[in-house]
Amino acid sequence: MTESAYIRQRDTTAEHGQKRDLSYPPLPEPLPVAVYDNHTHLEISDGDQPIDYHEHLERAAEVGIVGVIQVGGDVETSKWSAAVAAAEPRMLAAVAIHPNEAPRYEEAGTLDDALAVIDELAAWPRTRAVGETGLDFFRTGPEGLAAQRRSFEAHIGIAKKHSIAMQIHDRDAHDDVIETLLRVGAPEKTVFHCFSGDATMAKIAADNGWYLSFSGTITFKKNEELREALQVIPRELVLVETDAPFLTPMPFRGRPNAPYLTPHTVRAMAEVLGDDLGDLCAQIAFNTEKVYGSWEDGLVA
């Protein structure tokens, strides 16, 4: 497998049908304490001048983002993520079949085979999470939900088997995701990627020791519920992410996202919490290393 084998191109049309601004935003002011982007998709090319993962990581380092979790969503992108992370000291991998992909594999009769590949990749030293997995009732209709549920529960089992974290994709499925985690038993380190719930859900997460990862959506004006959720979750359960190239934080919403834009989200979080920026950065960095381990371990020479 080559490093560039599975680069994909993001759709360049905005959701409302108009052409997006395809230029990358400028670098923000560096953070006072280094942190990690715990969920990004650097296999997806975006922008009028696309950036490869090397450039993404170089730009990130300039502003205090010293490592990323590169996340797969199907067999091919999971293989790519694990392979690149194996030799890249600034990257760790998460591998999974995305909930929107699970029905497609099931329809083709290959979901079990795909899950077996994820199980194999989860054993690699620099694969530190199973994800993103979960439930998505927004893009998948009722006919695909059985496959999503079966896939989700299988991923929970894989994360437990390998004693690594799990990153959850939860879209319009809060109650069902929580019910599954409580019934099946969540992995010890469970992360709600791009948390989209309210304060009530955040309290449930806190009671169970689940981590909440906040993205650029917390900077969007309409998302007051997210800001309220951030204020009720203990600091030791808070993470930050970009979900790049998606969910670009304000004031650059709609333009290509990248790990180097993480400081915008961290600064917004510190403002919501009334925290010293350096203290919050240090807490997030500590939390991230607690969930995923050291970025220095397991490298292939």
C-alpha atoms as a PDB file:
ATOM      1  CA  MET A   1       0.000   0.000   0.000  1.00  0.00           C
ATOM      2  CA  THR A   2       1.318   3.441  -0.886  1.00  0.00           C
ATOM      3  CA  GLU A   3       0.830   6.468   1.301  1.00  0.00           C
ATOM      4  CA  SER A   4      -1.347   8.185  -1.299  1.00  0.00           C
ATOM      5  CA  ALA A   5      -3.389   5.185  -2.372  1.00  0.00           C
ATOM      6  CA  TYR A   6      -6.695   6.207  -0.863  1.00  0.00           C
ATOM      7  CA  ILE A   7      -6.797  10.011  -1.108  1.00  0.00           C
ATOM      8  CA  ARG A   8     -10.368  11.123  -1.809  1.00  0.00           C
ATOM      9  CA  GLN A   9     -11.716  14.476  -2.992  1.00  0.00           C
ATOM     10  CA  ARG A  10     -14.331  16.307  -0.979  1.00  0.00           C
ATOM     11  CA  ASP A  11     -17.365  17.688  -2.784  1.00  0.00           C
ATOM     12  CA  THR A  12     -16.689  21.374  -3.409  1.00  0.00           C
ATOM     13  CA  THR A  13     -20.344  22.449  -3.376  1.00  0.00           C
ATOM     14  CA  ALA A  14     -21.847  23.880  -0.199  1.00  0.00           C
ATOM     15  CA  GLU A  15     -24.966  22.229   1.236  1.00  0.00           C
ATOM     16  CA  HIS A  16     -27.140  25.118   0.060  1.00  0.00           C
ATOM     17  CA  GLY A  17     -25.948  24.542  -3.519  1.00  0.00           C
ATOM     18  CA  GLN A  18     -23.626  27.506  -3.874  1.00  0.00           C
ATOM     19  CA  LYS A  19     -19.939  27.240  -4.602  1.00  0.00           C
ATOM     20  CA  ARG A  20     -17.768  27.123  -1.500  1.00  0.00           C
ATOM     21  CA  ASP A  21     -14.791  29.344  -0.773  1.00  0.00           C
ATOM     22  CA  LEU A  22     -12.051  26.806  -1.474  1.00  0.00           C
ATOM     23  CA  SER A  23      -9.120  28.704  -0.013  1.00  0.00           C
ATOM     24  CA  TYR A  24      -7.503  27.553   3.210  1.00  0.00           C
ATOM     25  CA  PRO A  25      -7.727  30.099   6.050  1.00  0.00           C
ATOM     26  CA  PRO A  26      -4.564  31.720   7.437  1.00  0.00           C
ATOM     27  CA  LEU A  27      -2.677  30.185  10.337  1.00  0.00           C
ATOM     28  CA  PRO A  28      -4.049  31.291  13.711  1.00  0.00           C
ATOM     29  CA  GLU A  29      -1.962  32.490  16.629  1.00  0.00           C
ATOM     30  CA  PRO A  30      -0.173  29.506  18.202  1.00  0.00           C
ATOM     31  CA  LEU A  31      -1.546  28.002  21.390  1.00  0.00           C
ATOM     32  CA  PRO A  32       0.499  28.574  24.559  1.00  0.00           C
ATOM     33  CA  VAL A  33       0.530  24.840  25.357  1.00  0.00           C
ATOM     34  CA  ALA A  34       0.552  22.104  22.716  1.00  0.00           C
ATOM     35  CA  VAL A  35      -2.582  20.005  22.171  1.00  0.00           C
ATOM     36  CA  TYR A  36      -3.793  17.238  19.830  1.00  0.00           C
ATOM     37  CA  ASP A  37      -6.514  17.041  17.202  1.00  0.00           C
ATOM     38  CA  ASN A  38      -8.179  13.808  18.237  1.00  0.00           C
ATOM     39  CA  HIS A  39     -10.265  13.273  15.082  1.00  0.00           C
ATOM     40  CA  THR A  40      -9.340  14.201  11.516  1.00  0.00           C
ATOM     41  CA  HIS A  41      -9.576  12.790   7.987  1.00  0.00           C
ATOM     42  CA  LEU A  42      -6.372  13.698   6.193  1.00  0.00           C
ATOM     43  CA  GLU A  43      -7.075  11.182   3.419  1.00  0.00           C
ATOM     44  CA  ILE A  44      -9.731  13.578   2.095  1.00  0.00           C
ATOM     45  CA  SER A  45      -8.397  16.220  -0.254  1.00  0.00           C
ATOM     46  CA  ASP A  46     -10.065  19.628  -0.136  1.00  0.00           C
ATOM     47  CA  GLY A  47      -9.555  23.196  -1.260  1.00  0.00           C
ATOM     48  CA  ASP A  48      -8.468  24.862  -4.489  1.00  0.00           C
ATOM     49  CA  GLN A  49      -4.864  24.047  -3.540  1.00  0.00           C
ATOM     50  CA  PRO A  50      -5.111  20.676  -1.746  1.00  0.00           C
ATOM     51  CA  ILE A  51      -2.687  19.913   1.071  1.00  0.00           C
ATOM     52  CA  ASP A  52      -1.206  16.464   1.620  1.00  0.00           C
ATOM     53  CA  TYR A  53      -0.951  15.029   5.110  1.00  0.00           C
ATOM     54  CA  HIS A  54       2.709  16.073   5.449  1.00  0.00           C
ATOM     55  CA  GLU A  55       1.793  19.730   4.910  1.00  0.00           C
ATOM     56  CA  HIS A  56      -1.215  19.416   7.214  1.00  0.00           C
ATOM     57  CA  LEU A  57       1.030  18.167  10.005  1.00  0.00           C
ATOM     58  CA  GLU A  58       3.686  20.795   9.371  1.00  0.00           C
ATOM     59  CA  ARG A  59       1.150  23.613   9.532  1.00  0.00           C
ATOM     60  CA  ALA A  60      -0.397  22.103  12.650  1.00  0.00           C
ATOM     61  CA  ALA A  61       2.967  21.986  14.422  1.00  0.00           C
ATOM     62  CA  GLU A  62       3.487  25.699  13.720  1.00  0.00           C
ATOM     63  CA  VAL A  63       0.454  26.603  15.842  1.00  0.00           C
ATOM     64  CA  GLY A  64       0.879  24.098  18.686  1.00  0.00           C
ATOM     65  CA  ILE A  65      -1.002  21.049  17.375  1.00  0.00           C
ATOM     66  CA  VAL A  66       1.602  18.347  17.851  1.00  0.00           C
ATOM     67  CA  GLY A  67      -0.353  15.234  16.918  1.00  0.00           C
ATOM     68  CA  VAL A  68      -3.554  13.940  15.330  1.00  0.00           C
ATOM     69  CA  ILE A  69      -5.762  10.878  15.353  1.00  0.00           C
ATOM     70  CA  GLN A  70      -6.298   9.959  11.703  1.00  0.00           C
ATOM     71  CA  VAL A  71      -9.691   8.283  11.372  1.00  0.00           C
ATOM     72  CA  GLY A  72     -10.820   5.677   8.863  1.00  0.00           C
ATOM     73  CA  GLY A  73     -14.406   5.052   7.820  1.00  0.00           C
ATOM     74  CA  ASP A  74     -14.210   1.953   5.645  1.00  0.00           C
ATOM     75  CA  VAL A  75     -11.760  -0.841   4.868  1.00  0.00           C
ATOM     76  CA  GLU A  76      -9.589   1.170   2.486  1.00  0.00           C
ATOM     77  CA  THR A  77      -9.323   4.369   4.527  1.00  0.00           C
ATOM     78  CA  SER A  78      -8.743   2.369   7.691  1.00  0.00           C
ATOM     79  CA  LYS A  79      -5.869   0.529   6.007  1.00  0.00           C
ATOM     80  CA  TRP A  80      -4.449   3.859   4.832  1.00  0.00           C
ATOM     81  CA  SER A  81      -4.765   5.403   8.287  1.00  0.00           C
ATOM     82  CA  ALA A  82      -3.044   2.495  10.017  1.00  0.00           C
ATOM     83  CA  ALA A  83      -0.264   2.306   7.415  1.00  0.00           C
ATOM     84  CA  VAL A  84       0.603   6.005   7.510  1.00  0.00           C
ATOM     85  CA  ALA A  85       0.387   6.225  11.310  1.00  0.00           C
ATOM     86  CA  ALA A  86       2.759   3.274  11.618  1.00  0.00           C
ATOM     87  CA  ALA A  87       5.626   5.437  10.328  1.00  0.00           C
ATOM     88  CA  GLU A  88       4.477   8.994  11.069  1.00  0.00           C
ATOM     89  CA  PRO A  89       5.382  10.190  14.591  1.00  0.00           C
ATOM     90  CA  ARG A  90       2.720  12.915  14.616  1.00  0.00           C
ATOM     91  CA  MET A  91      -0.139  10.572  13.747  1.00  0.00           C
ATOM     92  CA  LEU A  92      -2.026   7.759  15.440  1.00  0.00           C
ATOM     93  CA  ALA A  93      -4.846   5.818  13.797  1.00  0.00           C
ATOM     94  CA  ALA A  94      -8.466   4.973  14.418  1.00  0.00           C
ATOM     95  CA  VAL A  95     -10.056   2.277  12.249  1.00  0.00           C
ATOM     96  CA  ALA A  96     -13.677   1.338  11.640  1.00  0.00           C
ATOM     97  CA  ILE A  97     -16.584   0.869   9.305  1.00  0.00           C
ATOM     98  CA  HIS A  98     -18.569   4.107   9.488  1.00  0.00           C
ATOM     99  CA  PRO A  99     -22.240   3.555  10.383  1.00  0.00           C
ATOM    100  CA  ASN A 100     -23.318   4.885   6.981  1.00  0.00           C
ATOM    101  CA  GLU A 101     -21.001   2.368   5.308  1.00  0.00           C
ATOM    102  CA  ALA A 102     -22.167  -0.658   7.318  1.00  0.00           C
ATOM    103  CA  PRO A 103     -25.417  -1.165   5.341  1.00  0.00           C
ATOM    104  CA  ARG A 104     -23.483  -1.068   2.067  1.00  0.00           C
ATOM    105  CA  TYR A 105     -21.155  -3.815   3.209  1.00  0.00           C
ATOM    106  CA  GLU A 106     -24.118  -5.793   4.556  1.00  0.00           C
ATOM    107  CA  GLU A 107     -25.976  -5.496   1.259  1.00  0.00           C
ATOM    108  CA  ALA A 108     -22.883  -6.773  -0.560  1.00  0.00           C
ATOM    109  CA  GLY A 109     -22.563  -9.645   1.899  1.00  0.00           C
ATOM    110  CA  THR A 110     -19.120  -8.476   3.053  1.00  0.00           C
ATOM    111  CA  LEU A 111     -19.756  -6.802   6.422  1.00  0.00           C
ATOM    112  CA  ASP A 112     -18.260  -9.695   8.386  1.00  0.00           C
ATOM    113  CA  ASP A 113     -15.175  -9.662   6.174  1.00  0.00           C
ATOM    114  CA  ALA A 114     -14.828  -5.913   6.647  1.00  0.00           C
ATOM    115  CA  LEU A 115     -15.142  -6.231  10.406  1.00  0.00           C
ATOM    116  CA  ALA A 116     -12.447  -8.905  10.358  1.00  0.00           C
ATOM    117  CA  VAL A 117     -10.089  -6.438   8.654  1.00  0.00           C
ATOM    118  CA  ILE A 118     -10.865  -3.803  11.297  1.00  0.00           C
ATOM    119  CA  ASP A 119     -10.110  -6.388  13.984  1.00  0.00           C
ATOM    120  CA  GLU A 120      -6.712  -7.057  12.385  1.00  0.00           C
ATOM    121  CA  LEU A 121      -5.866  -3.371  12.039  1.00  0.00           C
ATOM    122  CA  ALA A 122      -6.903  -2.711  15.647  1.00  0.00           C
ATOM    123  CA  ALA A 123      -3.996  -4.890  16.764  1.00  0.00           C
ATOM    124  CA  TRP A 124      -1.385  -2.614  15.143  1.00  0.00           C
ATOM    125  CA  PRO A 125       0.715  -0.778  17.736  1.00  0.00           C
ATOM    126  CA  ARG A 126      -0.191   2.707  16.505  1.00  0.00           C
ATOM    127  CA  THR A 127      -3.878   2.000  16.021  1.00  0.00           C
ATOM    128  CA  ARG A 128      -5.182   3.477  19.254  1.00  0.00           C
ATOM    129  CA  ALA A 129      -8.927   3.619  18.652  1.00  0.00           C
ATOM    130  CA  VAL A 130     -11.807   1.859  16.963  1.00  0.00           C
ATOM    131  CA  GLY A 131     -13.770   4.516  15.166  1.00  0.00           C
ATOM    132  CA  GLU A 132     -15.620   6.135  13.918  1.00  0.00           C
ATOM    133  CA  THR A 133     -18.461   3.763  14.690  1.00  0.00           C
ATOM    134  CA  GLY A 134     -21.925   4.247  16.099  1.00  0.00           C
ATOM    135  CA  LEU A 135     -25.370   5.074  14.753  1.00  0.00           C
ATOM    136  CA  ASP A 136     -26.564   7.598  12.181  1.00  0.00           C
ATOM    137  CA  PHE A 137     -30.313   8.021  11.744  1.00  0.00           C
ATOM    138  CA  PHE A 138     -29.855  11.094   9.536  1.00  0.00           C
ATOM    139  CA  ARG A 139     -28.329   9.585   6.395  1.00  0.00           C
ATOM    140  CA  THR A 140     -29.369   5.940   6.754  1.00  0.00           C
ATOM    141  CA  GLY A 141     -33.006   4.940   6.425  1.00  0.00           C
ATOM    142  CA  PRO A 142     -34.846   2.280   8.462  1.00  0.00           C
ATOM    143  CA  GLU A 143     -33.771  -0.487   6.083  1.00  0.00           C
ATOM    144  CA  GLY A 144     -30.121   0.006   7.048  1.00  0.00           C
ATOM    145  CA  LEU A 145     -30.423   0.303  10.808  1.00  0.00           C
ATOM    146  CA  ALA A 146     -30.079  -3.405  11.593  1.00  0.00           C
ATOM    147  CA  ALA A 147     -26.693  -3.435   9.842  1.00  0.00           C
ATOM    148  CA  GLN A 148     -25.647  -0.283  11.703  1.00  0.00           C
ATOM    149  CA  ARG A 149     -26.560  -1.804  15.056  1.00  0.00           C
ATOM    150  CA  ARG A 150     -24.777  -5.076  14.319  1.00  0.00           C
ATOM    151  CA  SER A 151     -21.690  -3.214  13.152  1.00  0.00           C
ATOM    152  CA  PHE A 152     -21.701  -0.893  16.169  1.00  0.00           C
ATOM    153  CA  GLU A 153     -21.872  -3.764  18.647  1.00  0.00           C
ATOM    154  CA  ALA A 154     -19.109  -5.600  16.773  1.00  0.00           C
ATOM    155  CA  HIS A 155     -16.885  -2.521  16.979  1.00  0.00           C
ATOM    156  CA  ILE A 156     -17.517  -2.273  20.720  1.00  0.00           C
ATOM    157  CA  GLY A 157     -16.288  -5.841  21.013  1.00  0.00           C
ATOM    158  CA  ILE A 158     -13.178  -5.116  18.928  1.00  0.00           C
ATOM    159  CA  ALA A 159     -12.250  -2.097  21.061  1.00  0.00           C
ATOM    160  CA  LYS A 160     -12.609  -4.163  24.229  1.00  0.00           C
ATOM    161  CA  LYS A 161     -10.651  -7.076  22.757  1.00  0.00           C
ATOM    162  CA  HIS A 162      -7.668  -4.869  21.970  1.00  0.00           C
ATOM    163  CA  SER A 163      -8.046  -2.596  25.030  1.00  0.00           C
ATOM    164  CA  ILE A 164      -8.091   0.566  22.943  1.00  0.00           C
ATOM    165  CA  ALA A 165     -10.414   3.556  22.830  1.00  0.00           C
ATOM    166  CA  MET A 166     -13.595   3.823  20.799  1.00  0.00           C
ATOM    167  CA  GLN A 167     -14.714   6.921  18.891  1.00  0.00           C
ATOM    168  CA  ILE A 168     -18.478   7.220  18.432  1.00  0.00           C
ATOM    169  CA  HIS A 169     -20.301   8.777  15.516  1.00  0.00           C
ATOM    170  CA  ASP A 170     -23.746   9.750  16.837  1.00  0.00           C
ATOM    171  CA  ARG A 171     -26.084  11.624  14.521  1.00  0.00           C
ATOM    172  CA  ASP A 172     -29.749  11.953  15.455  1.00  0.00           C
ATOM    173  CA  ALA A 173     -29.362   8.766  17.520  1.00  0.00           C
ATOM    174  CA  HIS A 174     -28.497   9.922  21.051  1.00  0.00           C
ATOM    175  CA  ASP A 175     -30.903   7.672  22.957  1.00  0.00           C
ATOM    176  CA  ASP A 176     -30.106   4.576  20.910  1.00  0.00           C
ATOM    177  CA  VAL A 177     -26.345   5.066  21.207  1.00  0.00           C
ATOM    178  CA  ILE A 178     -26.568   5.451  24.973  1.00  0.00           C
ATOM    179  CA  GLU A 179     -28.889   2.438  25.266  1.00  0.00           C
ATOM    180  CA  THR A 180     -26.437   0.313  23.283  1.00  0.00           C
ATOM    181  CA  LEU A 181     -23.447   1.394  25.360  1.00  0.00           C
ATOM    182  CA  LEU A 182     -25.234   0.672  28.624  1.00  0.00           C
ATOM    183  CA  ARG A 183     -26.652  -2.653  27.450  1.00  0.00           C
ATOM    184  CA  VAL A 184     -23.521  -4.025  25.775  1.00  0.00           C
ATOM    185  CA  GLY A 185     -21.017  -2.285  28.031  1.00  0.00           C
ATOM    186  CA  ALA A 186     -18.891   0.556  26.735  1.00  0.00           C
ATOM    187  CA  PRO A 187     -15.128   0.261  26.305  1.00  0.00           C
ATOM    188  CA  GLU A 188     -13.166   1.761  29.182  1.00  0.00           C
ATOM    189  CA  LYS A 189     -12.220   4.767  27.029  1.00  0.00           C
ATOM    190  CA  THR A 190     -15.239   5.865  25.038  1.00  0.00           C
ATOM    191  CA  VAL A 191     -15.208   9.154  23.115  1.00  0.00           C
ATOM    192  CA  PHE A 192     -18.188  10.924  21.578  1.00  0.00           C
ATOM    193  CA  HIS A 193     -16.606  12.363  18.447  1.00  0.00           C
ATOM    194  CA  CYS A 194     -18.007  15.773  17.438  1.00  0.00           C
ATOM    195  CA  PHE A 195     -20.350  15.755  20.410  1.00  0.00           C
ATOM    196  CA  SER A 196     -23.774  17.033  19.367  1.00  0.00           C
ATOM    197  CA  GLY A 197     -25.880  16.510  22.475  1.00  0.00           C
ATOM    198  CA  ASP A 198     -27.136  18.818  25.198  1.00  0.00           C
ATOM    199  CA  ALA A 199     -26.292  19.316  28.853  1.00  0.00           C
ATOM    200  CA  THR A 200     -28.497  16.413  29.927  1.00  0.00           C
ATOM    201  CA  MET A 201     -26.622  14.039  27.645  1.00  0.00           C
ATOM    202  CA  ALA A 202     -23.312  15.487  28.809  1.00  0.00           C
ATOM    203  CA  LYS A 203     -24.249  14.646  32.394  1.00  0.00           C
ATOM    204  CA  ILE A 204     -25.016  11.059  31.374  1.00  0.00           C
ATOM    205  CA  ALA A 205     -21.624  10.875  29.704  1.00  0.00           C
ATOM    206  CA  ALA A 206     -19.937  12.295  32.793  1.00  0.00           C
ATOM    207  CA  ASP A 207     -21.674   9.781  35.050  1.00  0.00           C
ATOM    208  CA  ASN A 208     -20.267   6.977  32.899  1.00  0.00           C
ATOM    209  CA  GLY A 209     -16.791   8.421  32.410  1.00  0.00           C
ATOM    210  CA  TRP A 210     -17.260   8.934  28.676  1.00  0.00           C
ATOM    211  CA  TYR A 211     -15.213  11.620  26.940  1.00  0.00           C
ATOM    212  CA  LEU A 212     -16.761  14.396  24.866  1.00  0.00           C
ATOM    213  CA  SER A 213     -14.826  15.744  21.909  1.00  0.00           C
ATOM    214  CA  PHE A 214     -15.799  19.227  20.734  1.00  0.00           C
ATOM    215  CA  SER A 215     -15.310  20.434  17.167  1.00  0.00           C
ATOM    216  CA  GLY A 216     -15.704  23.727  15.349  1.00  0.00           C
ATOM    217  CA  THR A 217     -19.472  23.408  15.754  1.00  0.00           C
ATOM    218  CA  ILE A 218     -19.118  24.835  19.253  1.00  0.00           C
ATOM    219  CA  THR A 219     -18.202  28.162  17.615  1.00  0.00           C
ATOM    220  CA  PHE A 220     -21.433  28.285  15.578  1.00  0.00           C
ATOM    221  CA  LYS A 221     -23.884  30.890  16.852  1.00  0.00           C
ATOM    222  CA  LYS A 222     -26.910  28.579  16.957  1.00  0.00           C
ATOM    223  CA  ASN A 223     -25.227  25.877  19.053  1.00  0.00           C
ATOM    224  CA  GLU A 224     -25.895  27.212  22.535  1.00  0.00           C
ATOM    225  CA  GLU A 225     -26.776  23.681  23.715  1.00  0.00           C
ATOM    226  CA  LEU A 226     -23.237  22.567  22.904  1.00  0.00           C
ATOM    227  CA  ARG A 227     -21.766  25.397  24.943  1.00  0.00           C
ATOM    228  CA  GLU A 228     -24.036  24.474  27.830  1.00  0.00           C
ATOM    229  CA  ALA A 229     -22.900  20.849  27.550  1.00  0.00           C
ATOM    230  CA  LEU A 230     -19.265  21.904  27.693  1.00  0.00           C
ATOM    231  CA  GLN A 231     -19.936  23.750  30.929  1.00  0.00           C
ATOM    232  CA  VAL A 232     -21.320  20.680  32.724  1.00  0.00           C
ATOM    233  CA  ILE A 233     -18.779  18.053  31.660  1.00  0.00           C
ATOM    234  CA  PRO A 234     -15.763  17.691  33.963  1.00  0.00           C
ATOM    235  CA  ARG A 235     -12.583  19.151  32.475  1.00  0.00           C
ATOM    236  CA  GLU A 236     -10.897  15.749  32.690  1.00  0.00           C
ATOM    237  CA  LEU A 237     -13.386  14.360  30.116  1.00  0.00           C
ATOM    238  CA  VAL A 238     -12.952  17.109  27.490  1.00  0.00           C
ATOM    239  CA  LEU A 239     -11.194  16.625  24.131  1.00  0.00           C
ATOM    240  CA  VAL A 240     -10.933  18.730  20.979  1.00  0.00           C
ATOM    241  CA  GLU A 241     -11.019  17.872  17.276  1.00  0.00           C
ATOM    242  CA  THR A 242     -11.442  19.306  13.808  1.00  0.00           C
ATOM    243  CA  ASP A 243     -13.175  16.501  11.872  1.00  0.00           C
ATOM    244  CA  ALA A 244     -11.228  18.086   9.010  1.00  0.00           C
ATOM    245  CA  PRO A 245     -11.921  18.817   6.240  1.00  0.00           C
ATOM    246  CA  PHE A 246     -15.420  19.357   7.645  1.00  0.00           C
ATOM    247  CA  LEU A 247     -16.889  21.641  10.360  1.00  0.00           C
ATOM    248  CA  THR A 248     -14.466  24.533   9.999  1.00  0.00           C
ATOM    249  CA  PRO A 249     -14.736  26.829  13.038  1.00  0.00           C
ATOM    250  CA  MET A 250     -15.833  30.417  12.894  1.00  0.00           C
ATOM    251  CA  PRO A 251     -14.911  32.838  11.450  1.00  0.00           C
ATOM    252  CA  PHE A 252     -14.047  30.536   8.523  1.00  0.00           C
ATOM    253  CA  ARG A 253     -17.111  28.288   8.441  1.00  0.00           C
ATOM    254  CA  GLY A 254     -17.553  26.645   5.034  1.00  0.00           C
ATOM    255  CA  ARG A 255     -13.923  26.893   3.985  1.00  0.00           C
ATOM    256  CA  PRO A 256     -11.578  23.872   4.070  1.00  0.00           C
ATOM    257  CA  ASN A 257     -10.783  22.703   7.585  1.00  0.00           C
ATOM    258  CA  ALA A 258      -7.437  21.380   8.818  1.00  0.00           C
ATOM    259  CA  PRO A 259      -5.750  20.427  12.103  1.00  0.00           C
ATOM    260  CA  TYR A 260      -3.926  23.774  12.171  1.00  0.00           C
ATOM    261  CA  LEU A 261      -7.302  25.474  12.771  1.00  0.00           C
ATOM    262  CA  THR A 262      -7.821  23.671  16.089  1.00  0.00           C
ATOM    263  CA  PRO A 263      -6.711  26.767  18.073  1.00  0.00           C
ATOM    264  CA  HIS A 264      -9.887  28.597  17.054  1.00  0.00           C
ATOM    265  CA  THR A 265     -11.984  25.904  18.725  1.00  0.00           C
ATOM    266  CA  VAL A 266      -9.790  25.698  21.821  1.00  0.00           C
ATOM    267  CA  ARG A 267      -9.943  29.469  22.299  1.00  0.00           C
ATOM    268  CA  ALA A 268     -13.725  29.407  21.956  1.00  0.00           C
ATOM    269  CA  MET A 269     -13.908  26.629  24.548  1.00  0.00           C
ATOM    270  CA  ALA A 270     -11.729  28.565  26.984  1.00  0.00           C
ATOM    271  CA  GLU A 271     -13.974  31.609  26.556  1.00  0.00           C
ATOM    272  CA  VAL A 272     -17.134  29.575  27.220  1.00  0.00           C
ATOM    273  CA  LEU A 273     -15.603  28.050  30.340  1.00  0.00           C
ATOM    274  CA  GLY A 274     -13.898  31.199  31.570  1.00  0.00           C
ATOM    275  CA  ASP A 275     -10.668  29.209  31.809  1.00  0.00           C
ATOM    276  CA  ASP A 276      -7.107  30.319  31.327  1.00  0.00           C
ATOM    277  CA  LEU A 277      -6.186  29.222  27.802  1.00  0.00           C
ATOM    278  CA  GLY A 278      -2.909  27.600  28.823  1.00  0.00           C
ATOM    279  CA  ASP A 279      -4.577  25.659  31.630  1.00  0.00           C
ATOM    280  CA  LEU A 280      -7.274  24.339  29.308  1.00  0.00           C
ATOM    281  CA  CYS A 281      -4.695  23.358  26.681  1.00  0.00           C
ATOM    282  CA  ALA A 282      -2.699  21.446  29.284  1.00  0.00           C
ATOM    283  CA  GLN A 283      -5.830  19.645  30.480  1.00  0.00           C
ATOM    284  CA  ILE A 284      -6.875  18.686  26.951  1.00  0.00           C
ATOM    285  CA  ALA A 285      -3.376  17.417  26.150  1.00  0.00           C
ATOM    286  CA  PHE A 286      -3.340  15.341  29.340  1.00  0.00           C
ATOM    287  CA  ASN A 287      -6.784  13.912  28.583  1.00  0.00           C
ATOM    288  CA  THR A 288      -5.826  13.036  25.018  1.00  0.00           C
ATOM    289  CA  GLU A 289      -2.692  11.159  26.052  1.00  0.00           C
ATOM    290  CA  LYS A 290      -4.691   9.348  28.728  1.00  0.00           C
ATOM    291  CA  VAL A 291      -7.149   8.108  26.113  1.00  0.00           C
ATOM    292  CA  TYR A 292      -4.731   7.237  23.294  1.00  0.00           C
ATOM    293  CA  GLY A 293      -1.319   6.825  24.897  1.00  0.00           C
ATOM    294  CA  SER A 294       1.973   8.241  23.707  1.00  0.00           C
ATOM    295  CA  TRP A 295       2.548   9.424  20.145  1.00  0.00           C
ATOM    296  CA  GLU A 296       6.160   8.256  20.514  1.00  0.00           C
ATOM    297  CA  ASP A 297       5.470   4.546  20.934  1.00  0.00           C
ATOM    298  CA  GLY A 298       5.183   1.825  18.297  1.00  0.00           C
ATOM    299  CA  LEU A 299       6.797   3.540  15.325  1.00  0.00           C
ATOM    300  CA  VAL A 300       8.079   1.447  12.448  1.00  0.00           C
ATOM    301  CA  ALA A 301      11.685   2.368  11.684  1.00  0.00           C
END
